[in-house]
Amino acid sequence: MSGRAETATPDGGRGTLGLVTIGQAPRTDLAGDLEPWLGGLRVSEHGALDNDVFDGPEGQRTRAALAPAPDEAPLISRLRDGTSAVLGHDALAPRMRDAVARCAADGAAATLLLCTGNFPPVPPVRGEGPVGGEGTWRGPHPVLYAESLVQRGVRALVGDAPVGIVCPLAEQRADVARRWSQLLPGPLRAAPANPYAADAHDAVAAAARRLVEEGSHWIVLDCIGYTESMRRAAALAAARPVLLARALAVRLAAEAATAASGDCTHGSTDG
């Protein structure tokens, strides 16, 4: 995967899913996990911060300009060099709109915003979607939100069982608990574990174990930065089912991109 789209098919985007990270593309930490969930779709990947510099004095100014407001729940995302940045929603919004437009220009049938934080709506990119033979789709470029896909997927799976949410930062814990409590009917707890830290696997496992000890029956790794290997570490430590945000979001977005592209035979099997 790269920060630019892979070669589009001749009909202008059939079979391509746009991915927008709130950090910088390419997200090399995503590449190994993504392929089984895409069902053969191509990927157009762009980052909200692709054009920003994070080194030296200019990098210090960039981080200050993108920092969350004092009363704002922070976001965290991976940069191209493997480090991370703490970000605010408002500063990111125009950059995310630009990244979505780049995915649409690459021919993506739909674009997923790769962040489980809460964002104001990004207007659909105007213009026609992929158009071809009978049964194909025409309309604005759909923009999908990881937060919405993950939350509703989890709600459908867990019912009223107690749920433990793992989020990246301690400063996010109260906001995460508030947002999930509005959706899930059962008891809810939250614990932090930074997916970009050197000890991420151990931290995620410890947070999951602690949440289960406090009564959680399901664990949700609520950040796109959590990986399949972190899910395995959490499941081993907690001995409970663990839901992974990036898996839920990408699987559902891939279904939407396949439908929007009009590729009804894409990834299908007989029977």
C-alpha atoms as a PDB file:
ATOM      1  CA  MET A   1       0.000   0.000   0.000  1.00  0.00           C
ATOM      2  CA  SER A   2       1.245   3.479  -0.699  1.00  0.00           C
ATOM      3  CA  GLY A   3       0.110   7.047  -0.243  1.00  0.00           C
ATOM      4  CA  ARG A   4      -1.073   7.015  -3.828  1.00  0.00           C
ATOM      5  CA  ALA A   5      -3.733   4.865  -5.397  1.00  0.00           C
ATOM      6  CA  GLU A   6      -2.783   1.653  -7.043  1.00  0.00           C
ATOM      7  CA  THR A   7      -3.641   1.468 -10.733  1.00  0.00           C
ATOM      8  CA  ALA A   8      -7.372   1.943 -11.214  1.00  0.00           C
ATOM      9  CA  THR A   9      -9.409  -0.193 -13.539  1.00  0.00           C
ATOM     10  CA  PRO A  10     -10.475   1.332 -16.887  1.00  0.00           C
ATOM     11  CA  ASP A  11     -13.979   2.243 -15.700  1.00  0.00           C
ATOM     12  CA  GLY A  12     -12.548   4.882 -13.347  1.00  0.00           C
ATOM     13  CA  GLY A  13     -12.444   3.301  -9.909  1.00  0.00           C
ATOM     14  CA  ARG A  14     -14.322  -0.010  -9.938  1.00  0.00           C
ATOM     15  CA  GLY A  15     -12.993  -2.126  -7.113  1.00  0.00           C
ATOM     16  CA  THR A  16     -11.089   0.612  -5.259  1.00  0.00           C
ATOM     17  CA  LEU A  17     -11.542   1.603  -1.598  1.00  0.00           C
ATOM     18  CA  GLY A  18     -10.228   4.961  -0.402  1.00  0.00           C
ATOM     19  CA  LEU A  19      -8.584   5.049   3.026  1.00  0.00           C
ATOM     20  CA  VAL A  20      -7.900   8.327   4.828  1.00  0.00           C
ATOM     21  CA  THR A  21      -5.743   8.237   7.943  1.00  0.00           C
ATOM     22  CA  ILE A  22      -5.690  11.216  10.282  1.00  0.00           C
ATOM     23  CA  GLY A  23      -1.894  10.883  10.274  1.00  0.00           C
ATOM     24  CA  GLN A  24       0.368  10.244   7.303  1.00  0.00           C
ATOM     25  CA  ALA A  25       0.220   7.646   4.549  1.00  0.00           C
ATOM     26  CA  PRO A  26       1.350   5.027   3.937  1.00  0.00           C
ATOM     27  CA  ARG A  27       0.243   3.296   7.128  1.00  0.00           C
ATOM     28  CA  THR A  28       2.687   0.412   6.982  1.00  0.00           C
ATOM     29  CA  ASP A  29       1.270  -0.923  10.267  1.00  0.00           C
ATOM     30  CA  LEU A  30      -2.042  -1.514   8.455  1.00  0.00           C
ATOM     31  CA  ALA A  31      -0.787  -3.229   5.319  1.00  0.00           C
ATOM     32  CA  GLY A  32      -0.316  -6.730   6.727  1.00  0.00           C
ATOM     33  CA  ASP A  33      -3.760  -6.824   8.328  1.00  0.00           C
ATOM     34  CA  LEU A  34      -5.750  -5.281   5.475  1.00  0.00           C
ATOM     35  CA  GLU A  35      -5.442  -7.765   2.635  1.00  0.00           C
ATOM     36  CA  PRO A  36      -7.705 -10.534   4.027  1.00  0.00           C
ATOM     37  CA  TRP A  37     -10.466  -7.980   4.719  1.00  0.00           C
ATOM     38  CA  LEU A  38     -10.479  -6.306   1.297  1.00  0.00           C
ATOM     39  CA  GLY A  39     -11.644  -9.249  -0.798  1.00  0.00           C
ATOM     40  CA  GLY A  40      -9.399  -8.192  -3.677  1.00  0.00           C
ATOM     41  CA  LEU A  41     -10.294  -4.481  -3.688  1.00  0.00           C
ATOM     42  CA  ARG A  42      -7.562  -2.045  -4.629  1.00  0.00           C
ATOM     43  CA  VAL A  43      -6.657   0.683  -2.120  1.00  0.00           C
ATOM     44  CA  SER A  44      -6.156   4.430  -2.524  1.00  0.00           C
ATOM     45  CA  GLU A  45      -4.539   5.641   0.693  1.00  0.00           C
ATOM     46  CA  HIS A  46      -3.969   9.250   1.712  1.00  0.00           C
ATOM     47  CA  GLY A  47      -3.210  10.969   5.007  1.00  0.00           C
ATOM     48  CA  ALA A  48      -4.607  14.196   6.404  1.00  0.00           C
ATOM     49  CA  LEU A  49      -1.039  15.190   7.356  1.00  0.00           C
ATOM     50  CA  ASP A  50       0.756  14.025   4.197  1.00  0.00           C
ATOM     51  CA  ASN A  51       1.870  17.570   3.368  1.00  0.00           C
ATOM     52  CA  ASP A  52       2.897  18.531   6.923  1.00  0.00           C
ATOM     53  CA  VAL A  53       6.458  18.491   8.286  1.00  0.00           C
ATOM     54  CA  PHE A  54       7.148  17.054  11.756  1.00  0.00           C
ATOM     55  CA  ASP A  55      10.942  17.380  11.945  1.00  0.00           C
ATOM     56  CA  GLY A  56      12.961  20.180  13.539  1.00  0.00           C
ATOM     57  CA  PRO A  57      11.626  23.644  14.387  1.00  0.00           C
ATOM     58  CA  GLU A  58       8.981  23.462  11.662  1.00  0.00           C
ATOM     59  CA  GLY A  59       7.795  20.179  13.142  1.00  0.00           C
ATOM     60  CA  GLN A  60       7.410  21.825  16.543  1.00  0.00           C
ATOM     61  CA  ARG A  61       5.270  24.530  14.996  1.00  0.00           C
ATOM     62  CA  THR A  62       3.192  21.896  13.168  1.00  0.00           C
ATOM     63  CA  ARG A  63       2.524  19.951  16.359  1.00  0.00           C
ATOM     64  CA  ALA A  64       1.528  23.132  18.170  1.00  0.00           C
ATOM     65  CA  ALA A  65      -0.864  24.127  15.362  1.00  0.00           C
ATOM     66  CA  LEU A  66      -2.492  20.677  15.302  1.00  0.00           C
ATOM     67  CA  ALA A  67      -2.698  20.181  19.077  1.00  0.00           C
ATOM     68  CA  PRO A  68      -6.115  19.678  20.680  1.00  0.00           C
ATOM     69  CA  ALA A  69      -7.761  22.588  22.441  1.00  0.00           C
ATOM     70  CA  PRO A  70      -7.609  22.502  26.262  1.00  0.00           C
ATOM     71  CA  ASP A  71     -11.199  21.241  26.556  1.00  0.00           C
ATOM     72  CA  GLU A  72     -10.994  18.857  23.573  1.00  0.00           C
ATOM     73  CA  ALA A  73     -10.598  15.066  23.708  1.00  0.00           C
ATOM     74  CA  PRO A  74      -7.278  14.334  21.983  1.00  0.00           C
ATOM     75  CA  LEU A  75      -6.640  12.098  18.993  1.00  0.00           C
ATOM     76  CA  ILE A  76      -3.456  10.183  18.252  1.00  0.00           C
ATOM     77  CA  SER A  77      -2.189   8.840  14.939  1.00  0.00           C
ATOM     78  CA  ARG A  78       0.885   7.355  13.338  1.00  0.00           C
ATOM     79  CA  LEU A  79       3.257   9.383  11.190  1.00  0.00           C
ATOM     80  CA  ARG A  80       5.200   8.154   8.190  1.00  0.00           C
ATOM     81  CA  ASP A  81       8.388   7.622  10.203  1.00  0.00           C
ATOM     82  CA  GLY A  82       6.642   5.384  12.744  1.00  0.00           C
ATOM     83  CA  THR A  83       6.318   8.007  15.475  1.00  0.00           C
ATOM     84  CA  SER A  84       2.962   9.441  16.539  1.00  0.00           C
ATOM     85  CA  ALA A  85       1.314  12.835  16.991  1.00  0.00           C
ATOM     86  CA  VAL A  86      -1.429  14.023  19.344  1.00  0.00           C
ATOM     87  CA  LEU A  87      -4.017  15.993  17.399  1.00  0.00           C
ATOM     88  CA  GLY A  88      -7.191  18.057  17.695  1.00  0.00           C
ATOM     89  CA  HIS A  89     -10.388  17.500  15.714  1.00  0.00           C
ATOM     90  CA  ASP A  90     -10.849  21.064  14.475  1.00  0.00           C
ATOM     91  CA  ALA A  91      -7.342  21.412  13.063  1.00  0.00           C
ATOM     92  CA  LEU A  92      -7.702  18.124  11.196  1.00  0.00           C
ATOM     93  CA  ALA A  93     -11.101  18.703   9.589  1.00  0.00           C
ATOM     94  CA  PRO A  94      -9.996  20.677   6.472  1.00  0.00           C
ATOM     95  CA  ARG A  95      -7.030  18.361   5.932  1.00  0.00           C
ATOM     96  CA  MET A  96      -9.319  15.338   6.045  1.00  0.00           C
ATOM     97  CA  ARG A  97     -11.655  16.870   3.464  1.00  0.00           C
ATOM     98  CA  ASP A  98      -8.666  17.369   1.173  1.00  0.00           C
ATOM     99  CA  ALA A  99      -7.511  13.767   1.641  1.00  0.00           C
ATOM    100  CA  VAL A 100     -11.011  12.464   0.837  1.00  0.00           C
ATOM    101  CA  ALA A 101     -10.989  14.521  -2.370  1.00  0.00           C
ATOM    102  CA  ARG A 102      -7.652  12.943  -3.328  1.00  0.00           C
ATOM    103  CA  CYS A 103      -9.100   9.453  -2.869  1.00  0.00           C
ATOM    104  CA  ALA A 104     -12.083  10.374  -5.038  1.00  0.00           C
ATOM    105  CA  ALA A 105      -9.759  11.785  -7.695  1.00  0.00           C
ATOM    106  CA  ASP A 106      -7.881   8.466  -7.652  1.00  0.00           C
ATOM    107  CA  GLY A 107     -11.136   6.713  -8.576  1.00  0.00           C
ATOM    108  CA  ALA A 108     -12.143   5.190  -5.228  1.00  0.00           C
ATOM    109  CA  ALA A 109     -15.740   3.971  -5.143  1.00  0.00           C
ATOM    110  CA  ALA A 110     -16.024   4.945  -1.451  1.00  0.00           C
ATOM    111  CA  THR A 111     -13.666   6.310   1.195  1.00  0.00           C
ATOM    112  CA  LEU A 112     -13.271   5.275   4.835  1.00  0.00           C
ATOM    113  CA  LEU A 113     -12.026   7.751   7.462  1.00  0.00           C
ATOM    114  CA  LEU A 114      -9.594   5.650   9.477  1.00  0.00           C
ATOM    115  CA  CYS A 115     -10.225   7.062  12.931  1.00  0.00           C
ATOM    116  CA  THR A 116     -12.668   6.001  15.641  1.00  0.00           C
ATOM    117  CA  GLY A 117     -12.821   9.549  17.015  1.00  0.00           C
ATOM    118  CA  ASN A 118     -15.905  11.683  16.502  1.00  0.00           C
ATOM    119  CA  PHE A 119     -15.697  14.046  13.508  1.00  0.00           C
ATOM    120  CA  PRO A 120     -18.105  16.511  11.936  1.00  0.00           C
ATOM    121  CA  PRO A 121     -19.476  15.221   8.632  1.00  0.00           C
ATOM    122  CA  VAL A 122     -17.198  15.455   5.597  1.00  0.00           C
ATOM    123  CA  PRO A 123     -19.426  16.437   2.661  1.00  0.00           C
ATOM    124  CA  PRO A 124     -19.573  13.796  -0.092  1.00  0.00           C
ATOM    125  CA  VAL A 125     -17.323  14.670  -3.002  1.00  0.00           C
ATOM    126  CA  ARG A 126     -19.462  15.918  -5.828  1.00  0.00           C
ATOM    127  CA  GLY A 127     -19.359  14.272  -9.201  1.00  0.00           C
ATOM    128  CA  GLU A 128     -20.306  10.905 -10.591  1.00  0.00           C
ATOM    129  CA  GLY A 129     -19.247   7.600  -9.172  1.00  0.00           C
ATOM    130  CA  PRO A 130     -18.196   4.617 -11.266  1.00  0.00           C
ATOM    131  CA  VAL A 131     -20.448   4.089 -14.246  1.00  0.00           C
ATOM    132  CA  GLY A 132     -20.470   1.079 -16.521  1.00  0.00           C
ATOM    133  CA  GLY A 133     -22.911  -1.573 -17.668  1.00  0.00           C
ATOM    134  CA  GLU A 134     -26.222  -2.659 -16.287  1.00  0.00           C
ATOM    135  CA  GLY A 135     -26.566  -2.454 -12.509  1.00  0.00           C
ATOM    136  CA  THR A 136     -23.677  -0.051 -11.889  1.00  0.00           C
ATOM    137  CA  TRP A 137     -23.896   2.958  -9.600  1.00  0.00           C
ATOM    138  CA  ARG A 138     -23.946   6.684 -10.277  1.00  0.00           C
ATOM    139  CA  GLY A 139     -23.859   9.358  -7.587  1.00  0.00           C
ATOM    140  CA  PRO A 140     -21.684  11.280  -5.086  1.00  0.00           C
ATOM    141  CA  HIS A 141     -18.581   9.632  -3.647  1.00  0.00           C
ATOM    142  CA  PRO A 142     -19.615   8.036  -0.307  1.00  0.00           C
ATOM    143  CA  VAL A 143     -17.613   8.934   2.814  1.00  0.00           C
ATOM    144  CA  LEU A 144     -17.709   6.339   5.611  1.00  0.00           C
ATOM    145  CA  TYR A 145     -16.777   6.843   9.264  1.00  0.00           C
ATOM    146  CA  ALA A 146     -14.881   4.213  11.225  1.00  0.00           C
ATOM    147  CA  GLU A 147     -16.475   5.362  14.491  1.00  0.00           C
ATOM    148  CA  SER A 148     -20.007   4.764  13.227  1.00  0.00           C
ATOM    149  CA  LEU A 149     -19.186   1.427  11.587  1.00  0.00           C
ATOM    150  CA  VAL A 150     -17.347   0.135  14.644  1.00  0.00           C
ATOM    151  CA  GLN A 151     -19.891   1.283  17.208  1.00  0.00           C
ATOM    152  CA  ARG A 152     -22.886  -0.143  15.391  1.00  0.00           C
ATOM    153  CA  GLY A 153     -21.071  -3.365  14.604  1.00  0.00           C
ATOM    154  CA  VAL A 154     -20.163  -3.814  18.259  1.00  0.00           C
ATOM    155  CA  ARG A 155     -23.714  -2.974  19.363  1.00  0.00           C
ATOM    156  CA  ALA A 156     -25.102  -5.698  17.103  1.00  0.00           C
ATOM    157  CA  LEU A 157     -22.644  -8.276  18.432  1.00  0.00           C
ATOM    158  CA  VAL A 158     -22.529  -7.749  22.189  1.00  0.00           C
ATOM    159  CA  GLY A 159     -26.163  -7.177  23.106  1.00  0.00           C
ATOM    160  CA  ASP A 160     -26.459  -6.082  26.744  1.00  0.00           C
ATOM    161  CA  ALA A 161     -23.304  -7.857  27.958  1.00  0.00           C
ATOM    162  CA  PRO A 162     -20.677  -5.882  29.925  1.00  0.00           C
ATOM    163  CA  VAL A 163     -18.072  -4.382  27.570  1.00  0.00           C
ATOM    164  CA  GLY A 164     -14.546  -3.132  28.156  1.00  0.00           C
ATOM    165  CA  ILE A 165     -13.149  -0.497  25.782  1.00  0.00           C
ATOM    166  CA  VAL A 166      -9.400  -0.123  25.282  1.00  0.00           C
ATOM    167  CA  CYS A 167      -8.450   3.365  24.043  1.00  0.00           C
ATOM    168  CA  PRO A 168      -4.990   4.837  23.351  1.00  0.00           C
ATOM    169  CA  LEU A 169      -4.659   7.657  25.905  1.00  0.00           C
ATOM    170  CA  ALA A 170      -5.683   8.143  29.515  1.00  0.00           C
ATOM    171  CA  GLU A 171      -6.920  11.614  28.499  1.00  0.00           C
ATOM    172  CA  GLN A 172      -9.438   9.946  26.146  1.00  0.00           C
ATOM    173  CA  ARG A 173     -10.884   7.593  28.717  1.00  0.00           C
ATOM    174  CA  ALA A 174     -13.774   9.751  29.960  1.00  0.00           C
ATOM    175  CA  ASP A 175     -14.837  10.820  26.456  1.00  0.00           C
ATOM    176  CA  VAL A 176     -14.642   7.248  25.142  1.00  0.00           C
ATOM    177  CA  ALA A 177     -16.695   5.916  28.060  1.00  0.00           C
ATOM    178  CA  ARG A 178     -19.297   8.648  27.566  1.00  0.00           C
ATOM    179  CA  ARG A 179     -19.724   8.011  23.829  1.00  0.00           C
ATOM    180  CA  TRP A 180     -19.927   4.234  24.155  1.00  0.00           C
ATOM    181  CA  SER A 181     -22.291   4.414  27.142  1.00  0.00           C
ATOM    182  CA  GLN A 182     -24.753   6.336  24.986  1.00  0.00           C
ATOM    183  CA  LEU A 183     -24.845   3.382  22.572  1.00  0.00           C
ATOM    184  CA  LEU A 184     -24.466   0.198  24.613  1.00  0.00           C
ATOM    185  CA  PRO A 185     -27.161  -0.815  27.139  1.00  0.00           C
ATOM    186  CA  GLY A 186     -24.917  -2.924  29.375  1.00  0.00           C
ATOM    187  CA  PRO A 187     -22.174  -1.990  31.868  1.00  0.00           C
ATOM    188  CA  LEU A 188     -19.172  -0.296  30.278  1.00  0.00           C
ATOM    189  CA  ARG A 189     -15.596   0.336  31.385  1.00  0.00           C
ATOM    190  CA  ALA A 190     -12.605   1.866  29.632  1.00  0.00           C
ATOM    191  CA  ALA A 191      -8.844   1.518  30.046  1.00  0.00           C
ATOM    192  CA  PRO A 192      -5.918   3.090  28.152  1.00  0.00           C
ATOM    193  CA  ALA A 193      -3.105   1.376  26.212  1.00  0.00           C
ATOM    194  CA  ASN A 194      -1.131   3.272  23.564  1.00  0.00           C
ATOM    195  CA  PRO A 195      -0.902   1.221  20.320  1.00  0.00           C
ATOM    196  CA  TYR A 196       2.087   3.287  19.147  1.00  0.00           C
ATOM    197  CA  ALA A 197       4.237   2.746  22.255  1.00  0.00           C
ATOM    198  CA  ALA A 198       7.205   0.372  22.298  1.00  0.00           C
ATOM    199  CA  ASP A 199       5.427  -1.867  24.846  1.00  0.00           C
ATOM    200  CA  ALA A 200       2.060  -1.750  23.053  1.00  0.00           C
ATOM    201  CA  HIS A 201       1.382  -5.490  23.051  1.00  0.00           C
ATOM    202  CA  ASP A 202       2.045  -5.836  26.775  1.00  0.00           C
ATOM    203  CA  ALA A 203       0.037  -2.687  27.544  1.00  0.00           C
ATOM    204  CA  VAL A 204      -2.956  -3.828  25.504  1.00  0.00           C
ATOM    205  CA  ALA A 205      -2.858  -7.275  27.109  1.00  0.00           C
ATOM    206  CA  ALA A 206      -2.706  -5.737  30.597  1.00  0.00           C
ATOM    207  CA  ALA A 207      -5.607  -3.365  29.879  1.00  0.00           C
ATOM    208  CA  ALA A 208      -7.761  -6.204  28.525  1.00  0.00           C
ATOM    209  CA  ARG A 209      -6.962  -8.398  31.540  1.00  0.00           C
ATOM    210  CA  ARG A 210      -7.835  -5.569  33.926  1.00  0.00           C
ATOM    211  CA  LEU A 211     -11.173  -4.902  32.195  1.00  0.00           C
ATOM    212  CA  VAL A 212     -12.138  -8.575  32.411  1.00  0.00           C
ATOM    213  CA  GLU A 213     -11.191  -8.667  36.096  1.00  0.00           C
ATOM    214  CA  GLU A 214     -13.565  -5.721  36.554  1.00  0.00           C
ATOM    215  CA  GLY A 215     -16.406  -7.676  34.945  1.00  0.00           C
ATOM    216  CA  SER A 216     -16.251  -7.109  31.160  1.00  0.00           C
ATOM    217  CA  HIS A 217     -17.411 -10.005  28.947  1.00  0.00           C
ATOM    218  CA  TRP A 218     -16.288  -8.443  25.654  1.00  0.00           C
ATOM    219  CA  ILE A 219     -13.214  -6.342  24.871  1.00  0.00           C
ATOM    220  CA  VAL A 220     -13.123  -3.705  22.107  1.00  0.00           C
ATOM    221  CA  LEU A 221      -9.787  -2.327  20.856  1.00  0.00           C
ATOM    222  CA  ASP A 222     -11.145   1.096  19.930  1.00  0.00           C
ATOM    223  CA  CYS A 223      -8.458   2.635  17.719  1.00  0.00           C
ATOM    224  CA  ILE A 224      -7.335   1.970  14.159  1.00  0.00           C
ATOM    225  CA  GLY A 225      -3.784   1.705  15.541  1.00  0.00           C
ATOM    226  CA  TYR A 226      -4.507  -1.595  17.310  1.00  0.00           C
ATOM    227  CA  THR A 227      -3.353  -4.526  15.187  1.00  0.00           C
ATOM    228  CA  GLU A 228      -4.347  -8.170  14.746  1.00  0.00           C
ATOM    229  CA  SER A 229      -1.317  -9.224  16.766  1.00  0.00           C
ATOM    230  CA  MET A 230      -2.458  -6.908  19.582  1.00  0.00           C
ATOM    231  CA  ARG A 231      -5.900  -8.496  19.383  1.00  0.00           C
ATOM    232  CA  ARG A 232      -4.294 -11.910  19.838  1.00  0.00           C
ATOM    233  CA  ALA A 233      -2.290 -10.658  22.820  1.00  0.00           C
ATOM    234  CA  ALA A 234      -5.440  -9.211  24.401  1.00  0.00           C
ATOM    235  CA  ALA A 235      -7.471 -12.376  23.786  1.00  0.00           C
ATOM    236  CA  LEU A 236      -4.754 -14.552  25.303  1.00  0.00           C
ATOM    237  CA  ALA A 237      -4.510 -12.330  28.381  1.00  0.00           C
ATOM    238  CA  ALA A 238      -8.246 -11.826  28.875  1.00  0.00           C
ATOM    239  CA  ALA A 239      -9.647 -15.198  27.747  1.00  0.00           C
ATOM    240  CA  ARG A 240     -12.621 -13.272  26.365  1.00  0.00           C
ATOM    241  CA  PRO A 241     -13.684 -12.333  22.811  1.00  0.00           C
ATOM    242  CA  VAL A 242     -11.847  -9.258  21.503  1.00  0.00           C
ATOM    243  CA  LEU A 243     -13.252  -7.033  18.740  1.00  0.00           C
ATOM    244  CA  LEU A 244     -10.794  -5.054  16.631  1.00  0.00           C
ATOM    245  CA  ALA A 245     -11.827  -1.613  15.349  1.00  0.00           C
ATOM    246  CA  ARG A 246      -9.769  -1.736  12.150  1.00  0.00           C
ATOM    247  CA  ALA A 247     -11.214  -5.140  11.220  1.00  0.00           C
ATOM    248  CA  LEU A 248     -14.840  -4.082  11.717  1.00  0.00           C
ATOM    249  CA  ALA A 249     -14.410  -0.771   9.887  1.00  0.00           C
ATOM    250  CA  VAL A 250     -12.472  -2.060   6.888  1.00  0.00           C
ATOM    251  CA  ARG A 251     -14.648  -5.144   6.360  1.00  0.00           C
ATOM    252  CA  LEU A 252     -17.821  -3.045   6.289  1.00  0.00           C
ATOM    253  CA  ALA A 253     -16.250  -0.309   4.165  1.00  0.00           C
ATOM    254  CA  ALA A 254     -15.038  -2.896   1.672  1.00  0.00           C
ATOM    255  CA  GLU A 255     -18.612  -4.138   1.334  1.00  0.00           C
ATOM    256  CA  ALA A 256     -19.785  -0.573   0.689  1.00  0.00           C
ATOM    257  CA  ALA A 257     -17.052   0.036  -1.908  1.00  0.00           C
ATOM    258  CA  THR A 258     -17.928  -3.182  -3.702  1.00  0.00           C
ATOM    259  CA  ALA A 259     -21.618  -2.187  -3.782  1.00  0.00           C
ATOM    260  CA  ALA A 260     -20.882   1.399  -4.848  1.00  0.00           C
ATOM    261  CA  SER A 261     -18.560   0.261  -7.615  1.00  0.00           C
ATOM    262  CA  GLY A 262     -21.282  -1.913  -9.126  1.00  0.00           C
ATOM    263  CA  ASP A 263     -18.959  -4.931  -9.011  1.00  0.00           C
ATOM    264  CA  CYS A 264     -21.653  -7.324  -7.822  1.00  0.00           C
ATOM    265  CA  THR A 265     -19.578 -10.407  -8.631  1.00  0.00           C
ATOM    266  CA  HIS A 266     -16.512  -9.118  -6.760  1.00  0.00           C
ATOM    267  CA  GLY A 267     -15.369 -11.568  -4.107  1.00  0.00           C
ATOM    268  CA  SER A 268     -18.523 -13.709  -4.445  1.00  0.00           C
ATOM    269  CA  THR A 269     -18.806 -17.487  -4.242  1.00  0.00           C
ATOM    270  CA  ASP A 270     -21.428 -19.865  -5.558  1.00  0.00           C
ATOM    271  CA  GLY A 271     -24.038 -21.245  -3.197  1.00  0.00           C
END
